[in-house]
Amino acid sequence: MDIFLDMTGTITDMESENYAFLKMSEAIGKRFSIDISSEEIMRHILNYRKPYMEKRHIEYYPIRNLIVRAIEQLLPRKLSSKEALWIMNTYAEFHAKYVKLAPEAMNALKKMRSICSHMGLITDADTPYTMKVLSALKIESFFDSVVTAEDAGVGKPNPKIFRIALQKSSEKIKIYIGDSEQRDIVGAKRMGMIVIKIGETSNLADYVAFNLKEAAEIIENLIQ
């Protein structure tokens, strides 16, 4: 069997994701002497990017570029290319520094890696960001393939991002694990995959798991 996973909120811990974004906002505020709190900077960025993120299944705008545009709204001038690049790098670097694996995720990934032919990642994220975070978490070696929304030009649940990922799959049984009903579960079910939802109950998923550890146990039971 082949296994594909979402990253944010599935493999990673959401509390640490939010903390990383806050620390990034704090660093940006200091770098550009922005006279509002880190929390306000973070809210501004999230509000600015929200309409773009809601339409990512139609067209994907790199998150690092959206952060640069959001910060420019807080400044009396346009950012230089060097300053924009600093923000883009800070986004990836602070998440690589502060984002943590979800509880039991490492052992679950090891277990899944040992029983599948191909393990892939499908994520609604920028490519440089994704690769930095995977490297920092020391899990990049688990994955035979990584497909980002930036690679595909669209995010989930658009079939395109799943099709690109599944081109690398040769097994008949394909399993997908994710935490978003609308993006992960809907998208994967459309592709005929066996779907495991992390977290809350689901009307569409084949199975629901509290965390990645439970998801790995479900997969183990499927092959017995």
C-alpha atoms as a PDB file:
ATOM      1  CA  MET A   1       0.000   0.000   0.000  1.00  0.00           C
ATOM      2  CA  ASP A   2       0.977   3.651  -0.441  1.00  0.00           C
ATOM      3  CA  ILE A   3       0.366   6.253   2.261  1.00  0.00           C
ATOM      4  CA  PHE A   4       0.002  10.011   1.764  1.00  0.00           C
ATOM      5  CA  LEU A   5      -0.240  12.558   4.562  1.00  0.00           C
ATOM      6  CA  ASP A   6      -1.104  16.187   5.152  1.00  0.00           C
ATOM      7  CA  MET A   7       1.466  18.147   7.168  1.00  0.00           C
ATOM      8  CA  THR A   8       0.040  21.050   9.209  1.00  0.00           C
ATOM      9  CA  GLY A   9      -2.172  19.828  12.041  1.00  0.00           C
ATOM     10  CA  THR A  10      -1.675  16.206  11.033  1.00  0.00           C
ATOM     11  CA  ILE A  11       2.051  15.656  11.455  1.00  0.00           C
ATOM     12  CA  THR A  12       2.765  18.937  13.226  1.00  0.00           C
ATOM     13  CA  ASP A  13       1.380  20.354  16.465  1.00  0.00           C
ATOM     14  CA  MET A  14      -0.940  23.319  15.845  1.00  0.00           C
ATOM     15  CA  GLU A  15      -0.038  25.093  19.071  1.00  0.00           C
ATOM     16  CA  SER A  16       3.598  25.178  17.997  1.00  0.00           C
ATOM     17  CA  GLU A  17       2.566  26.332  14.504  1.00  0.00           C
ATOM     18  CA  ASN A  18       0.736  29.314  16.007  1.00  0.00           C
ATOM     19  CA  TYR A  19       3.645  30.088  18.339  1.00  0.00           C
ATOM     20  CA  ALA A  20       6.068  30.051  15.409  1.00  0.00           C
ATOM     21  CA  PHE A  21       3.869  32.529  13.528  1.00  0.00           C
ATOM     22  CA  LEU A  22       3.739  34.787  16.574  1.00  0.00           C
ATOM     23  CA  LYS A  23       7.527  34.709  17.023  1.00  0.00           C
ATOM     24  CA  MET A  24       7.944  35.493  13.334  1.00  0.00           C
ATOM     25  CA  SER A  25       5.583  38.460  13.723  1.00  0.00           C
ATOM     26  CA  GLU A  26       7.599  39.653  16.709  1.00  0.00           C
ATOM     27  CA  ALA A  27      10.842  39.497  14.705  1.00  0.00           C
ATOM     28  CA  ILE A  28       9.286  41.384  11.793  1.00  0.00           C
ATOM     29  CA  GLY A  29       7.931  44.043  14.146  1.00  0.00           C
ATOM     30  CA  LYS A  30      11.382  44.616  15.632  1.00  0.00           C
ATOM     31  CA  ARG A  31      13.147  44.596  12.267  1.00  0.00           C
ATOM     32  CA  PHE A  32      10.898  47.283  10.799  1.00  0.00           C
ATOM     33  CA  SER A  33      10.026  49.189  14.009  1.00  0.00           C
ATOM     34  CA  ILE A  34       6.307  48.536  13.585  1.00  0.00           C
ATOM     35  CA  ASP A  35       4.515  50.266  16.449  1.00  0.00           C
ATOM     36  CA  ILE A  36       1.888  47.623  17.222  1.00  0.00           C
ATOM     37  CA  SER A  37       2.079  44.398  19.220  1.00  0.00           C
ATOM     38  CA  SER A  38       3.254  41.072  17.817  1.00  0.00           C
ATOM     39  CA  GLU A  39      -0.279  39.750  18.243  1.00  0.00           C
ATOM     40  CA  GLU A  40      -1.673  42.618  16.168  1.00  0.00           C
ATOM     41  CA  ILE A  41       0.917  42.048  13.447  1.00  0.00           C
ATOM     42  CA  MET A  42       0.008  38.370  13.382  1.00  0.00           C
ATOM     43  CA  ARG A  43      -3.718  39.127  13.142  1.00  0.00           C
ATOM     44  CA  HIS A  44      -3.079  41.609  10.344  1.00  0.00           C
ATOM     45  CA  ILE A  45      -1.106  39.052   8.325  1.00  0.00           C
ATOM     46  CA  LEU A  46      -3.719  36.344   8.861  1.00  0.00           C
ATOM     47  CA  ASN A  47      -6.574  38.689   7.906  1.00  0.00           C
ATOM     48  CA  TYR A  48      -4.713  39.864   4.802  1.00  0.00           C
ATOM     49  CA  ARG A  49      -4.001  36.375   3.546  1.00  0.00           C
ATOM     50  CA  LYS A  50      -7.417  34.900   4.452  1.00  0.00           C
ATOM     51  CA  PRO A  51      -9.228  35.578   1.129  1.00  0.00           C
ATOM     52  CA  TYR A  52      -6.275  34.171  -0.797  1.00  0.00           C
ATOM     53  CA  MET A  53      -6.144  31.064   1.376  1.00  0.00           C
ATOM     54  CA  GLU A  54      -9.876  30.508   0.982  1.00  0.00           C
ATOM     55  CA  LYS A  55      -9.388  30.401  -2.806  1.00  0.00           C
ATOM     56  CA  ARG A  56      -6.164  28.378  -2.826  1.00  0.00           C
ATOM     57  CA  HIS A  57      -8.007  25.454  -4.423  1.00  0.00           C
ATOM     58  CA  ILE A  58      -8.481  27.698  -7.474  1.00  0.00           C
ATOM     59  CA  GLU A  59      -5.130  29.496  -7.525  1.00  0.00           C
ATOM     60  CA  TYR A  60      -2.286  29.332  -5.047  1.00  0.00           C
ATOM     61  CA  TYR A  61      -0.453  32.455  -3.925  1.00  0.00           C
ATOM     62  CA  PRO A  62       2.780  31.655  -2.033  1.00  0.00           C
ATOM     63  CA  ILE A  63       2.268  32.450   1.632  1.00  0.00           C
ATOM     64  CA  ARG A  64       5.684  34.109   1.887  1.00  0.00           C
ATOM     65  CA  ASN A  65       4.623  36.646  -0.764  1.00  0.00           C
ATOM     66  CA  LEU A  66       1.350  37.344   1.030  1.00  0.00           C
ATOM     67  CA  ILE A  67       3.241  38.030   4.259  1.00  0.00           C
ATOM     68  CA  VAL A  68       5.445  40.559   2.453  1.00  0.00           C
ATOM     69  CA  ARG A  69       2.382  42.334   1.027  1.00  0.00           C
ATOM     70  CA  ALA A  70       0.694  42.369   4.425  1.00  0.00           C
ATOM     71  CA  ILE A  71       3.733  43.932   6.088  1.00  0.00           C
ATOM     72  CA  GLU A  72       3.983  46.588   3.378  1.00  0.00           C
ATOM     73  CA  GLN A  73       0.524  47.762   4.422  1.00  0.00           C
ATOM     74  CA  LEU A  74       1.926  48.523   7.884  1.00  0.00           C
ATOM     75  CA  LEU A  75       4.836  50.573   6.547  1.00  0.00           C
ATOM     76  CA  PRO A  76       4.996  54.036   4.973  1.00  0.00           C
ATOM     77  CA  ARG A  77       7.063  52.720   2.070  1.00  0.00           C
ATOM     78  CA  LYS A  78       7.539  49.768  -0.242  1.00  0.00           C
ATOM     79  CA  LEU A  79       9.963  47.098   0.905  1.00  0.00           C
ATOM     80  CA  SER A  80      13.225  46.628  -0.952  1.00  0.00           C
ATOM     81  CA  SER A  81      13.972  43.278  -2.582  1.00  0.00           C
ATOM     82  CA  LYS A  82      16.470  42.544   0.173  1.00  0.00           C
ATOM     83  CA  GLU A  83      13.911  43.326   2.889  1.00  0.00           C
ATOM     84  CA  ALA A  84      11.241  41.217   1.186  1.00  0.00           C
ATOM     85  CA  LEU A  85      13.674  38.304   0.952  1.00  0.00           C
ATOM     86  CA  TRP A  86      14.491  38.691   4.653  1.00  0.00           C
ATOM     87  CA  ILE A  87      10.785  38.362   5.529  1.00  0.00           C
ATOM     88  CA  MET A  88      10.394  35.309   3.292  1.00  0.00           C
ATOM     89  CA  ASN A  89      13.394  33.624   4.886  1.00  0.00           C
ATOM     90  CA  THR A  90      12.235  34.585   8.385  1.00  0.00           C
ATOM     91  CA  TYR A  91       8.874  32.928   7.738  1.00  0.00           C
ATOM     92  CA  ALA A  92      10.513  29.604   6.901  1.00  0.00           C
ATOM     93  CA  GLU A  93      13.300  29.830   9.473  1.00  0.00           C
ATOM     94  CA  PHE A  94      11.079  30.663  12.457  1.00  0.00           C
ATOM     95  CA  HIS A  95       8.723  27.824  11.635  1.00  0.00           C
ATOM     96  CA  ALA A  96      11.660  25.468  11.232  1.00  0.00           C
ATOM     97  CA  LYS A  97      12.869  26.612  14.655  1.00  0.00           C
ATOM     98  CA  TYR A  98       9.610  26.480  16.620  1.00  0.00           C
ATOM     99  CA  VAL A  99       7.245  24.009  14.936  1.00  0.00           C
ATOM    100  CA  LYS A 100       7.065  20.671  16.744  1.00  0.00           C
ATOM    101  CA  LEU A 101       5.776  17.259  15.803  1.00  0.00           C
ATOM    102  CA  ALA A 102       2.337  16.293  17.057  1.00  0.00           C
ATOM    103  CA  PRO A 103       2.407  13.896  20.034  1.00  0.00           C
ATOM    104  CA  GLU A 104       3.410  10.347  19.023  1.00  0.00           C
ATOM    105  CA  ALA A 105       3.965  11.490  15.423  1.00  0.00           C
ATOM    106  CA  MET A 106       7.570  10.286  15.116  1.00  0.00           C
ATOM    107  CA  ASN A 107       6.791   6.724  16.181  1.00  0.00           C
ATOM    108  CA  ALA A 108       3.685   6.701  14.002  1.00  0.00           C
ATOM    109  CA  LEU A 109       5.666   7.818  10.958  1.00  0.00           C
ATOM    110  CA  LYS A 110       8.271   5.134  11.602  1.00  0.00           C
ATOM    111  CA  LYS A 111       5.561   2.487  11.835  1.00  0.00           C
ATOM    112  CA  MET A 112       3.841   3.644   8.646  1.00  0.00           C
ATOM    113  CA  ARG A 113       7.141   3.869   6.795  1.00  0.00           C
ATOM    114  CA  SER A 114       7.884   0.247   7.694  1.00  0.00           C
ATOM    115  CA  ILE A 115       4.639  -1.096   6.238  1.00  0.00           C
ATOM    116  CA  CYS A 116       4.103   0.977   3.088  1.00  0.00           C
ATOM    117  CA  SER A 117       5.749   0.904  -0.329  1.00  0.00           C
ATOM    118  CA  HIS A 118       5.612   4.661  -0.846  1.00  0.00           C
ATOM    119  CA  MET A 119       5.073   7.475   1.643  1.00  0.00           C
ATOM    120  CA  GLY A 120       4.162  10.893   0.293  1.00  0.00           C
ATOM    121  CA  LEU A 121       3.319  14.342   1.638  1.00  0.00           C
ATOM    122  CA  ILE A 122       0.603  16.565   0.150  1.00  0.00           C
ATOM    123  CA  THR A 123       0.538  20.019   1.711  1.00  0.00           C
ATOM    124  CA  ASP A 124      -1.098  23.409   1.140  1.00  0.00           C
ATOM    125  CA  ALA A 125       2.171  25.248   1.700  1.00  0.00           C
ATOM    126  CA  ASP A 126       5.134  26.932   0.038  1.00  0.00           C
ATOM    127  CA  THR A 127       7.900  24.624  -1.143  1.00  0.00           C
ATOM    128  CA  PRO A 128      10.900  26.281   0.616  1.00  0.00           C
ATOM    129  CA  TYR A 129       8.934  26.453   3.870  1.00  0.00           C
ATOM    130  CA  THR A 130       7.923  22.802   3.652  1.00  0.00           C
ATOM    131  CA  MET A 131      11.431  21.530   3.001  1.00  0.00           C
ATOM    132  CA  LYS A 132      12.921  23.609   5.835  1.00  0.00           C
ATOM    133  CA  VAL A 133      10.347  22.375   8.341  1.00  0.00           C
ATOM    134  CA  LEU A 134      10.708  18.733   7.289  1.00  0.00           C
ATOM    135  CA  SER A 135      14.475  19.013   7.642  1.00  0.00           C
ATOM    136  CA  ALA A 136      14.267  20.693  11.055  1.00  0.00           C
ATOM    137  CA  LEU A 137      11.881  18.009  12.302  1.00  0.00           C
ATOM    138  CA  LYS A 138      14.255  15.341  10.950  1.00  0.00           C
ATOM    139  CA  ILE A 139      11.496  13.557   9.053  1.00  0.00           C
ATOM    140  CA  GLU A 140      12.328  14.389   5.430  1.00  0.00           C
ATOM    141  CA  SER A 141      13.864  10.934   4.931  1.00  0.00           C
ATOM    142  CA  PHE A 142      10.502   9.272   5.620  1.00  0.00           C
ATOM    143  CA  PHE A 143       8.992  10.671   2.430  1.00  0.00           C
ATOM    144  CA  ASP A 144       9.519   9.345  -1.074  1.00  0.00           C
ATOM    145  CA  SER A 145       7.633  12.317  -2.508  1.00  0.00           C
ATOM    146  CA  VAL A 146       6.581  15.791  -1.408  1.00  0.00           C
ATOM    147  CA  VAL A 147       3.973  17.779  -3.345  1.00  0.00           C
ATOM    148  CA  THR A 148       3.163  21.322  -2.239  1.00  0.00           C
ATOM    149  CA  ALA A 149       0.412  23.676  -3.346  1.00  0.00           C
ATOM    150  CA  GLU A 150       3.170  25.848  -4.794  1.00  0.00           C
ATOM    151  CA  ASP A 151       4.330  22.909  -6.938  1.00  0.00           C
ATOM    152  CA  ALA A 152       0.800  22.214  -8.167  1.00  0.00           C
ATOM    153  CA  GLY A 153      -0.306  25.843  -8.524  1.00  0.00           C
ATOM    154  CA  VAL A 154      -3.431  24.997  -6.527  1.00  0.00           C
ATOM    155  CA  GLY A 155      -4.243  23.729  -3.058  1.00  0.00           C
ATOM    156  CA  LYS A 156      -6.524  21.002  -1.747  1.00  0.00           C
ATOM    157  CA  PRO A 157      -9.217  19.844  -2.415  1.00  0.00           C
ATOM    158  CA  ASN A 158      -8.425  20.549  -6.093  1.00  0.00           C
ATOM    159  CA  PRO A 159      -7.881  17.166  -7.791  1.00  0.00           C
ATOM    160  CA  LYS A 160      -4.755  18.489  -9.530  1.00  0.00           C
ATOM    161  CA  ILE A 161      -2.562  18.439  -6.413  1.00  0.00           C
ATOM    162  CA  PHE A 162      -3.691  14.889  -5.612  1.00  0.00           C
ATOM    163  CA  ARG A 163      -3.145  13.711  -9.203  1.00  0.00           C
ATOM    164  CA  ILE A 164       0.418  15.007  -9.172  1.00  0.00           C
ATOM    165  CA  ALA A 165       1.084  13.176  -5.919  1.00  0.00           C
ATOM    166  CA  LEU A 166      -0.569   9.957  -7.091  1.00  0.00           C
ATOM    167  CA  GLN A 167       1.570   9.845 -10.238  1.00  0.00           C
ATOM    168  CA  LYS A 168       4.286   8.630  -7.888  1.00  0.00           C
ATOM    169  CA  SER A 169       2.088   5.833  -6.523  1.00  0.00           C
ATOM    170  CA  SER A 170       2.129   2.329  -7.985  1.00  0.00           C
ATOM    171  CA  GLU A 171       0.167   0.389  -5.371  1.00  0.00           C
ATOM    172  CA  LYS A 172      -3.540  -0.362  -5.735  1.00  0.00           C
ATOM    173  CA  ILE A 173      -4.346   0.577  -2.129  1.00  0.00           C
ATOM    174  CA  LYS A 174      -3.779   4.285  -1.457  1.00  0.00           C
ATOM    175  CA  ILE A 175      -4.374   5.763   1.986  1.00  0.00           C
ATOM    176  CA  TYR A 176      -4.589   9.450   2.855  1.00  0.00           C
ATOM    177  CA  ILE A 177      -4.373  10.972   6.346  1.00  0.00           C
ATOM    178  CA  GLY A 178      -5.400  14.569   7.055  1.00  0.00           C
ATOM    179  CA  ASP A 179      -7.209  16.803   9.528  1.00  0.00           C
ATOM    180  CA  SER A 180      -9.357  19.100   7.353  1.00  0.00           C
ATOM    181  CA  GLU A 181     -12.786  17.827   6.318  1.00  0.00           C
ATOM    182  CA  GLN A 182     -13.100  20.240   3.402  1.00  0.00           C
ATOM    183  CA  ARG A 183      -9.551  20.192   2.045  1.00  0.00           C
ATOM    184  CA  ASP A 184      -8.127  16.800   2.989  1.00  0.00           C
ATOM    185  CA  ILE A 185     -11.080  14.469   3.295  1.00  0.00           C
ATOM    186  CA  VAL A 186     -13.161  15.797   0.396  1.00  0.00           C
ATOM    187  CA  GLY A 187     -10.138  15.961  -1.900  1.00  0.00           C
ATOM    188  CA  ALA A 188      -8.813  12.488  -1.129  1.00  0.00           C
ATOM    189  CA  LYS A 189     -12.240  10.811  -1.299  1.00  0.00           C
ATOM    190  CA  ARG A 190     -12.766  12.264  -4.775  1.00  0.00           C
ATOM    191  CA  MET A 191      -9.608  10.447  -5.822  1.00  0.00           C
ATOM    192  CA  GLY A 192     -10.892   7.129  -4.506  1.00  0.00           C
ATOM    193  CA  MET A 193      -8.424   6.906  -1.652  1.00  0.00           C
ATOM    194  CA  ILE A 194      -9.019   5.278   1.725  1.00  0.00           C
ATOM    195  CA  VAL A 195      -9.195   8.270   4.055  1.00  0.00           C
ATOM    196  CA  ILE A 196      -8.347   8.610   7.739  1.00  0.00           C
ATOM    197  CA  LYS A 197      -9.322  11.870   9.413  1.00  0.00           C
ATOM    198  CA  ILE A 198      -7.308  13.148  12.356  1.00  0.00           C
ATOM    199  CA  GLY A 199      -9.319  14.807  15.125  1.00  0.00           C
ATOM    200  CA  GLU A 200     -13.046  15.385  15.081  1.00  0.00           C
ATOM    201  CA  THR A 201     -15.696  13.137  13.612  1.00  0.00           C
ATOM    202  CA  SER A 202     -16.266  13.053   9.878  1.00  0.00           C
ATOM    203  CA  ASN A 203     -19.200  12.329   7.604  1.00  0.00           C
ATOM    204  CA  LEU A 204     -16.948  11.394   4.703  1.00  0.00           C
ATOM    205  CA  ALA A 205     -13.799   9.737   6.038  1.00  0.00           C
ATOM    206  CA  ASP A 206     -13.509   5.961   6.120  1.00  0.00           C
ATOM    207  CA  TYR A 207     -11.902   6.118   9.563  1.00  0.00           C
ATOM    208  CA  VAL A 208     -11.371   8.715  12.288  1.00  0.00           C
ATOM    209  CA  ALA A 209      -8.292   8.742  14.522  1.00  0.00           C
ATOM    210  CA  PHE A 210      -7.519  10.883  17.548  1.00  0.00           C
ATOM    211  CA  ASN A 211      -3.917  11.318  16.416  1.00  0.00           C
ATOM    212  CA  LEU A 212      -1.302   9.930  14.056  1.00  0.00           C
ATOM    213  CA  LYS A 213      -0.565   7.044  16.407  1.00  0.00           C
ATOM    214  CA  GLU A 214      -4.165   5.828  16.127  1.00  0.00           C
ATOM    215  CA  ALA A 215      -4.029   6.312  12.363  1.00  0.00           C
ATOM    216  CA  ALA A 216      -0.973   4.050  12.181  1.00  0.00           C
ATOM    217  CA  GLU A 217      -2.799   1.423  14.248  1.00  0.00           C
ATOM    218  CA  ILE A 218      -5.782   1.571  11.882  1.00  0.00           C
ATOM    219  CA  ILE A 219      -3.468   0.999   8.922  1.00  0.00           C
ATOM    220  CA  GLU A 220      -1.792  -1.920  10.678  1.00  0.00           C
ATOM    221  CA  ASN A 221      -5.191  -3.535  11.214  1.00  0.00           C
ATOM    222  CA  LEU A 222      -6.070  -3.036   7.552  1.00  0.00           C
ATOM    223  CA  ILE A 223      -3.142  -5.134   6.360  1.00  0.00           C
ATOM    224  CA  GLN A 224      -3.645  -7.987   8.813  1.00  0.00           C
END
